PDB file of N, CA and C in Angstrom:
ATOM      1  N   MET A   1     -82.884  21.718  36.633  1.00  0.00           N
ATOM      2  CA  MET A   1     -82.003  22.526  35.863  1.00  0.00           C
ATOM      3  C   MET A   1     -82.673  23.071  34.600  1.00  0.00           C
ATOM      4  N   LYS A   2     -82.482  24.320  34.377  1.00  0.00           N
ATOM      5  CA  LYS A   2     -83.087  24.954  33.176  1.00  0.00           C
ATOM      6  C   LYS A   2     -82.127  24.794  31.945  1.00  0.00           C
ATOM      7  N   TYR A   3     -82.703  24.379  30.822  1.00  0.00           N
ATOM      8  CA  TYR A   3     -81.898  24.253  29.596  1.00  0.00           C
ATOM      9  C   TYR A   3     -82.121  25.450  28.764  1.00  0.00           C
ATOM     10  N   GLU A   4     -81.034  26.127  28.372  1.00  0.00           N
ATOM     11  CA  GLU A   4     -81.137  27.306  27.510  1.00  0.00           C
ATOM     12  C   GLU A   4     -80.221  27.109  26.328  1.00  0.00           C
ATOM     13  N   TYR A   5     -80.792  27.004  25.127  1.00  0.00           N
ATOM     14  CA  TYR A   5     -80.002  26.724  23.914  1.00  0.00           C
ATOM     15  C   TYR A   5     -80.014  27.993  23.035  1.00  0.00           C
ATOM     16  N   ARG A   6     -78.956  28.120  22.237  1.00  0.00           N
ATOM     17  CA  ARG A   6     -78.881  29.081  21.221  1.00  0.00           C
ATOM     18  C   ARG A   6     -77.925  28.706  20.162  1.00  0.00           C
ATOM     19  N   GLU A   7     -78.063  29.239  18.966  1.00  0.00           N
ATOM     20  CA  GLU A   7     -77.232  28.906  17.842  1.00  0.00           C
ATOM     21  C   GLU A   7     -75.874  29.650  18.021  1.00  0.00           C
ATOM     22  N   VAL A   8     -74.796  28.936  17.695  1.00  0.00           N
ATOM     23  CA  VAL A   8     -73.415  29.501  17.739  1.00  0.00           C
ATOM     24  C   VAL A   8     -72.757  29.097  16.398  1.00  0.00           C
ATOM     25  N   LYS A   9     -71.994  29.959  15.828  1.00  0.00           N
ATOM     26  CA  LYS A   9     -71.190  29.587  14.615  1.00  0.00           C
ATOM     27  C   LYS A   9     -69.696  29.556  14.990  1.00  0.00           C
ATOM     28  N   CYS A  10     -69.078  28.422  14.694  1.00  0.00           N
ATOM     29  CA  CYS A  10     -67.684  28.277  14.957  1.00  0.00           C
ATOM     30  C   CYS A  10     -66.820  29.188  14.095  1.00  0.00           C
ATOM     31  N   PRO A  11     -65.886  29.987  14.712  1.00  0.00           N
ATOM     32  CA  PRO A  11     -65.056  30.888  13.925  1.00  0.00           C
ATOM     33  C   PRO A  11     -64.030  30.251  13.049  1.00  0.00           C
ATOM     34  N   TRP A  12     -63.753  28.933  13.310  1.00  0.00           N
ATOM     35  CA  TRP A  12     -62.704  28.223  12.590  1.00  0.00           C
ATOM     36  C   TRP A  12     -63.195  27.430  11.419  1.00  0.00           C
ATOM     37  N   CYS A  13     -64.338  26.692  11.602  1.00  0.00           N
ATOM     38  CA  CYS A  13     -64.802  25.779  10.579  1.00  0.00           C
ATOM     39  C   CYS A  13     -66.156  26.212  10.076  1.00  0.00           C
ATOM     40  N   ASP A  14     -66.734  27.262  10.604  1.00  0.00           N
ATOM     41  CA  ASP A  14     -68.001  27.858  10.160  1.00  0.00           C
ATOM     42  C   ASP A  14     -69.225  26.922  10.429  1.00  0.00           C
ATOM     43  N   HIS A  15     -69.033  25.853  11.245  1.00  0.00           N
ATOM     44  CA  HIS A  15     -70.099  24.954  11.646  1.00  0.00           C
ATOM     45  C   HIS A  15     -71.060  25.709  12.575  1.00  0.00           C
ATOM     46  N   VAL A  16     -72.334  25.595  12.284  1.00  0.00           N
ATOM     47  CA  VAL A  16     -73.378  26.215  13.154  1.00  0.00           C
ATOM     48  C   VAL A  16     -73.978  25.097  13.989  1.00  0.00           C
ATOM     49  N   PHE A  17     -74.043  25.303  15.318  1.00  0.00           N
ATOM     50  CA  PHE A  17     -74.543  24.275  16.182  1.00  0.00           C
ATOM     51  C   PHE A  17     -75.357  24.910  17.327  1.00  0.00           C
ATOM     52  N   MET A  18     -76.098  24.056  18.004  1.00  0.00           N
ATOM     53  CA  MET A  18     -76.939  24.452  19.221  1.00  0.00           C
ATOM     54  C   MET A  18     -76.035  24.250  20.392  1.00  0.00           C
ATOM     55  N   TRP A  19     -75.875  25.361  21.140  1.00  0.00           N
ATOM     56  CA  TRP A  19     -75.051  25.291  22.372  1.00  0.00           C
ATOM     57  C   TRP A  19     -75.970  25.491  23.566  1.00  0.00           C
ATOM     58  N   ASN A  20     -75.737  24.633  24.590  1.00  0.00           N
ATOM     59  CA  ASN A  20     -76.475  24.681  25.870  1.00  0.00           C
ATOM     60  C   ASN A  20     -75.744  25.577  26.840  1.00  0.00           C
ATOM     61  N   LYS A  21     -76.294  26.700  27.099  1.00  0.00           N
ATOM     62  CA  LYS A  21     -75.659  27.720  27.917  1.00  0.00           C
ATOM     63  C   LYS A  21     -75.364  27.131  29.321  1.00  0.00           C
ATOM     64  N   ASN A  22     -76.168  26.276  29.842  1.00  0.00           N
ATOM     65  CA  ASN A  22     -76.064  25.735  31.145  1.00  0.00           C
ATOM     66  C   ASN A  22     -75.284  24.422  31.226  1.00  0.00           C
ATOM     67  N   GLY A  23     -74.887  23.894  30.076  1.00  0.00           N
ATOM     68  CA  GLY A  23     -74.105  22.696  30.076  1.00  0.00           C
ATOM     69  C   GLY A  23     -72.667  22.949  30.297  1.00  0.00           C
ATOM     70  N   ARG A  24     -71.974  22.093  31.080  1.00  0.00           N
ATOM     71  CA  ARG A  24     -70.574  22.303  31.339  1.00  0.00           C
ATOM     72  C   ARG A  24     -69.789  21.051  30.917  1.00  0.00           C
ATOM     73  N   GLU A  25     -68.633  21.243  30.396  1.00  0.00           N
ATOM     74  CA  GLU A  25     -67.858  20.121  29.940  1.00  0.00           C
ATOM     75  C   GLU A  25     -66.551  20.008  30.736  1.00  0.00           C
ATOM     76  N   GLY A  26     -66.155  18.749  31.061  1.00  0.00           N
ATOM     77  CA  GLY A  26     -64.841  18.597  31.753  1.00  0.00           C
ATOM     78  C   GLY A  26     -64.886  18.928  33.206  1.00  0.00           C
ATOM     79  N   LEU A  27     -63.756  18.796  33.847  1.00  0.00           N
ATOM     80  CA  LEU A  27     -63.672  18.997  35.281  1.00  0.00           C
ATOM     81  C   LEU A  27     -63.250  20.410  35.606  1.00  0.00           C
ATOM     82  N   VAL A  28     -62.491  21.081  34.753  1.00  0.00           N
ATOM     83  CA  VAL A  28     -61.994  22.439  34.992  1.00  0.00           C
ATOM     84  C   VAL A  28     -62.443  23.376  33.880  1.00  0.00           C
ATOM     85  N   ILE A  29     -62.950  24.508  34.224  1.00  0.00           N
ATOM     86  CA  ILE A  29     -63.373  25.482  33.247  1.00  0.00           C
ATOM     87  C   ILE A  29     -62.611  26.775  33.485  1.00  0.00           C
ATOM     88  N   HIS A  30     -61.944  27.293  32.462  1.00  0.00           N
ATOM     89  CA  HIS A  30     -61.339  28.594  32.565  1.00  0.00           C
ATOM     90  C   HIS A  30     -62.361  29.634  32.682  1.00  0.00           C
ATOM     91  N   MET A  31     -62.187  30.627  33.451  1.00  0.00           N
ATOM     92  CA  MET A  31     -63.095  31.762  33.531  1.00  0.00           C
ATOM     93  C   MET A  31     -62.566  32.946  32.724  1.00  0.00           C
ATOM     94  N   TYR A  32     -63.385  33.504  31.919  1.00  0.00           N
ATOM     95  CA  TYR A  32     -63.067  34.570  31.058  1.00  0.00           C
ATOM     96  C   TYR A  32     -63.989  35.775  31.343  1.00  0.00           C
ATOM     97  N   ARG A  33     -63.531  36.944  31.176  1.00  0.00           N
ATOM     98  CA  ARG A  33     -64.398  38.146  31.271  1.00  0.00           C
ATOM     99  C   ARG A  33     -63.946  39.163  30.210  1.00  0.00           C
ATOM    100  N   LEU A  34     -64.936  39.976  29.890  1.00  0.00           N
ATOM    101  CA  LEU A  34     -64.633  41.060  28.879  1.00  0.00           C
ATOM    102  C   LEU A  34     -63.891  42.150  29.606  1.00  0.00           C
ATOM    103  N   LYS A  35     -62.797  42.595  29.050  1.00  0.00           N
ATOM    104  CA  LYS A  35     -61.947  43.648  29.678  1.00  0.00           C
ATOM    105  C   LYS A  35     -62.761  44.929  29.778  1.00  0.00           C
ATOM    106  N   GLU A  36     -63.551  45.267  28.751  1.00  0.00           N
ATOM    107  CA  GLU A  36     -64.284  46.560  28.704  1.00  0.00           C
ATOM    108  C   GLU A  36     -65.385  46.628  29.763  1.00  0.00           C
ATOM    109  N   THR A  37     -66.122  45.593  29.998  1.00  0.00           N
ATOM    110  CA  THR A  37     -67.228  45.663  30.935  1.00  0.00           C
ATOM    111  C   THR A  37     -67.116  44.840  32.123  1.00  0.00           C
ATOM    112  N   GLY A  38     -66.194  43.945  32.220  1.00  0.00           N
ATOM    113  CA  GLY A  38     -65.990  42.997  33.385  1.00  0.00           C
ATOM    114  C   GLY A  38     -66.954  41.916  33.430  1.00  0.00           C
ATOM    115  N   LYS A  39     -67.872  41.764  32.413  1.00  0.00           N
ATOM    116  CA  LYS A  39     -68.875  40.728  32.363  1.00  0.00           C
ATOM    117  C   LYS A  39     -68.218  39.376  32.017  1.00  0.00           C
ATOM    118  N   PHE A  40     -68.635  38.332  32.713  1.00  0.00           N
ATOM    119  CA  PHE A  40     -68.081  37.005  32.427  1.00  0.00           C
ATOM    120  C   PHE A  40     -68.589  36.436  31.085  1.00  0.00           C
ATOM    121  N   VAL A  41     -67.803  35.642  30.408  1.00  0.00           N
ATOM    122  CA  VAL A  41     -68.100  35.170  29.063  1.00  0.00           C
ATOM    123  C   VAL A  41     -68.070  33.632  29.165  1.00  0.00           C
ATOM    124  N   GLU A  42     -69.016  32.990  28.566  1.00  0.00           N
ATOM    125  CA  GLU A  42     -69.111  31.478  28.566  1.00  0.00           C
ATOM    126  C   GLU A  42     -68.229  30.932  27.461  1.00  0.00           C
ATOM    127  N   GLU A  43     -67.794  29.670  27.735  1.00  0.00           N
ATOM    128  CA  GLU A  43     -66.991  28.892  26.826  1.00  0.00           C
ATOM    129  C   GLU A  43     -67.777  27.761  26.214  1.00  0.00           C
ATOM    130  N   ALA A  44     -67.460  27.499  24.915  1.00  0.00           N
ATOM    131  CA  ALA A  44     -68.148  26.432  24.227  1.00  0.00           C
ATOM    132  C   ALA A  44     -67.090  25.662  23.385  1.00  0.00           C
ATOM    133  N   LYS A  45     -67.515  24.478  22.905  1.00  0.00           N
ATOM    134  CA  LYS A  45     -66.609  23.673  22.073  1.00  0.00           C
ATOM    135  C   LYS A  45     -67.350  23.242  20.841  1.00  0.00           C
ATOM    136  N   CYS A  46     -66.763  23.515  19.737  1.00  0.00           N
ATOM    137  CA  CYS A  46     -67.451  23.097  18.481  1.00  0.00           C
ATOM    138  C   CYS A  46     -67.483  21.582  18.348  1.00  0.00           C
ATOM    139  N   PRO A  47     -68.736  21.009  18.106  1.00  0.00           N
ATOM    140  CA  PRO A  47     -68.860  19.538  18.003  1.00  0.00           C
ATOM    141  C   PRO A  47     -68.250  18.985  16.746  1.00  0.00           C
ATOM    142  N   LYS A  48     -67.954  19.865  15.746  1.00  0.00           N
ATOM    143  CA  LYS A  48     -67.338  19.345  14.482  1.00  0.00           C
ATOM    144  C   LYS A  48     -65.821  19.316  14.546  1.00  0.00           C
ATOM    145  N   CYS A  49     -65.253  20.459  14.811  1.00  0.00           N
ATOM    146  CA  CYS A  49     -63.684  20.549  14.819  1.00  0.00           C
ATOM    147  C   CYS A  49     -63.139  20.487  16.236  1.00  0.00           C
ATOM    148  N   GLU A  50     -63.958  20.508  17.253  1.00  0.00           N
ATOM    149  CA  GLU A  50     -63.613  20.483  18.673  1.00  0.00           C
ATOM    150  C   GLU A  50     -62.744  21.604  19.173  1.00  0.00           C
ATOM    151  N   MET A  51     -62.721  22.734  18.483  1.00  0.00           N
ATOM    152  CA  MET A  51     -61.994  23.911  18.937  1.00  0.00           C
ATOM    153  C   MET A  51     -62.866  24.672  20.005  1.00  0.00           C
ATOM    154  N   ARG A  52     -62.195  25.173  20.999  1.00  0.00           N
ATOM    155  CA  ARG A  52     -62.848  25.909  22.005  1.00  0.00           C
ATOM    156  C   ARG A  52     -63.026  27.401  21.570  1.00  0.00           C
ATOM    157  N   MET A  53     -64.163  27.981  22.033  1.00  0.00           N
ATOM    158  CA  MET A  53     -64.381  29.381  21.687  1.00  0.00           C
ATOM    159  C   MET A  53     -65.147  30.020  22.828  1.00  0.00           C
ATOM    160  N   LEU A  54     -65.204  31.342  22.807  1.00  0.00           N
ATOM    161  CA  LEU A  54     -66.062  32.033  23.766  1.00  0.00           C
ATOM    162  C   LEU A  54     -67.325  32.538  23.135  1.00  0.00           C
ATOM    163  N   VAL A  55     -68.371  32.544  23.845  1.00  0.00           N
ATOM    164  CA  VAL A  55     -69.704  32.893  23.305  1.00  0.00           C
ATOM    165  C   VAL A  55     -70.186  34.208  23.989  1.00  0.00           C
ATOM    166  N   LEU A  56     -70.311  35.237  23.202  1.00  0.00           N
ATOM    167  CA  LEU A  56     -70.733  36.548  23.696  1.00  0.00           C
ATOM    168  C   LEU A  56     -72.236  36.645  23.568  1.00  0.00           C
ATOM    169  N   ASP A  57     -72.902  37.295  24.508  1.00  0.00           N
ATOM    170  CA  ASP A  57     -74.343  37.470  24.493  1.00  0.00           C
ATOM    171  C   ASP A  57     -74.735  38.206  23.193  1.00  0.00           C
ATOM    172  N   LYS A  58     -75.718  37.653  22.539  1.00  0.00           N
ATOM    173  CA  LYS A  58     -76.359  38.268  21.357  1.00  0.00           C
ATOM    174  C   LYS A  58     -75.406  38.405  20.183  1.00  0.00           C
ATOM    175  N   VAL A  59     -74.321  37.572  20.185  1.00  0.00           N
ATOM    176  CA  VAL A  59     -73.384  37.546  19.046  1.00  0.00           C
ATOM    177  C   VAL A  59     -73.393  36.128  18.514  1.00  0.00           C
ATOM    178  N   PHE A  60     -73.662  36.015  17.172  1.00  0.00           N
ATOM    179  CA  PHE A  60     -73.888  34.669  16.527  1.00  0.00           C
ATOM    180  C   PHE A  60     -72.595  33.905  16.467  1.00  0.00           C
ATOM    181  N   GLU A  61     -71.457  34.526  16.114  1.00  0.00           N
ATOM    182  CA  GLU A  61     -70.154  33.819  15.908  1.00  0.00           C
ATOM    183  C   GLU A  61     -69.355  33.835  17.206  1.00  0.00           C
ATOM    184  N   GLY A  62     -68.814  32.701  17.592  1.00  0.00           N
ATOM    185  CA  GLY A  62     -67.963  32.603  18.696  1.00  0.00           C
ATOM    186  C   GLY A  62     -66.611  33.342  18.458  1.00  0.00           C
ATOM    187  N   ILE A  63     -65.858  33.572  19.485  1.00  0.00           N
ATOM    188  CA  ILE A  63     -64.578  34.249  19.338  1.00  0.00           C
ATOM    189  C   ILE A  63     -63.453  33.372  19.971  1.00  0.00           C
ATOM    190  N   ASP A  64     -62.287  33.603  19.568  1.00  0.00           N
ATOM    191  CA  ASP A  64     -61.111  32.841  20.044  1.00  0.00           C
ATOM    192  C   ASP A  64     -60.904  33.129  21.478  1.00  0.00           C
ATOM    193  N   VAL A  65     -60.490  32.100  22.285  1.00  0.00           N
ATOM    194  CA  VAL A  65     -60.235  32.274  23.710  1.00  0.00           C
ATOM    195  C   VAL A  65     -59.055  33.191  23.970  1.00  0.00           C
ATOM    196  N   ASN A  66     -58.264  33.491  22.954  1.00  0.00           N
ATOM    197  CA  ASN A  66     -57.115  34.359  23.111  1.00  0.00           C
ATOM    198  C   ASN A  66     -57.406  35.775  22.533  1.00  0.00           C
ATOM    199  N   ASP A  67     -58.682  36.053  22.340  1.00  0.00           N
ATOM    200  CA  ASP A  67     -59.041  37.379  21.782  1.00  0.00           C
ATOM    201  C   ASP A  67     -58.624  38.510  22.747  1.00  0.00           C
ATOM    202  N   ASP A  68     -58.162  39.614  22.125  1.00  0.00           N
ATOM    203  CA  ASP A  68     -57.684  40.799  22.928  1.00  0.00           C
ATOM    204  C   ASP A  68     -58.844  41.424  23.770  1.00  0.00           C
ATOM    205  N   ARG A  69     -60.057  41.160  23.454  1.00  0.00           N
ATOM    206  CA  ARG A  69     -61.165  41.768  24.153  1.00  0.00           C
ATOM    207  C   ARG A  69     -61.478  41.065  25.508  1.00  0.00           C
ATOM    208  N   VAL A  70     -60.900  39.818  25.695  1.00  0.00           N
ATOM    209  CA  VAL A  70     -61.168  39.099  26.917  1.00  0.00           C
ATOM    210  C   VAL A  70     -59.893  38.833  27.739  1.00  0.00           C
ATOM    211  N   GLU A  71     -60.069  38.499  28.991  1.00  0.00           N
ATOM    212  CA  GLU A  71     -58.952  38.086  29.834  1.00  0.00           C
ATOM    213  C   GLU A  71     -59.316  36.815  30.540  1.00  0.00           C
ATOM    214  N   ARG A  72     -58.331  35.942  30.745  1.00  0.00           N
ATOM    215  CA  ARG A  72     -58.565  34.703  31.494  1.00  0.00           C
ATOM    216  C   ARG A  72     -58.195  35.029  32.932  1.00  0.00           C
ATOM    217  N   ILE A  73     -59.095  34.783  33.861  1.00  0.00           N
ATOM    218  CA  ILE A  73     -58.834  35.233  35.267  1.00  0.00           C
ATOM    219  C   ILE A  73     -58.675  34.014  36.203  1.00  0.00           C
ATOM    220  N   GLY A  74     -58.612  32.838  35.679  1.00  0.00           N
ATOM    221  CA  GLY A  74     -58.363  31.664  36.522  1.00  0.00           C
ATOM    222  C   GLY A  74     -59.206  30.447  36.116  1.00  0.00           C
ATOM    223  N   VAL A  75     -59.230  29.507  36.973  1.00  0.00           N
ATOM    224  CA  VAL A  75     -59.995  28.286  36.737  1.00  0.00           C
ATOM    225  C   VAL A  75     -60.912  27.951  37.875  1.00  0.00           C
ATOM    226  N   ARG A  76     -61.955  27.226  37.546  1.00  0.00           N
ATOM    227  CA  ARG A  76     -62.781  26.776  38.641  1.00  0.00           C
ATOM    228  C   ARG A  76     -63.129  25.341  38.430  1.00  0.00           C
ATOM    229  N   GLY A  77     -63.213  24.528  39.422  1.00  0.00           N
ATOM    230  CA  GLY A  77     -63.536  23.137  39.366  1.00  0.00           C
ATOM    231  C   GLY A  77     -65.061  22.968  39.416  1.00  0.00           C
ATOM    232  N   ILE A  78     -65.462  21.798  38.923  1.00  0.00           N
ATOM    233  CA  ILE A  78     -66.929  21.525  38.972  1.00  0.00           C
ATOM    234  C   ILE A  78     -67.120  20.471  39.933  1.00  0.00           C
TER     235      ILE A  78
END
């Protein structure tokens, strides 16, 4: 398995942490995609405040899972 890390800033508590793009948490993951492009968006959880966020490519700060730019399209089990 390839490990790919990048910095992400939590939009709620401003904590900056290293996020593993290929790491998955829990048994069920919601799938999100950008409405404008149809591209899938990854989910992360802040290790400090434990709030969930979405991580956009090349964007430092995470966004809310309920952001108007994304849609939740279902769940997938691991």
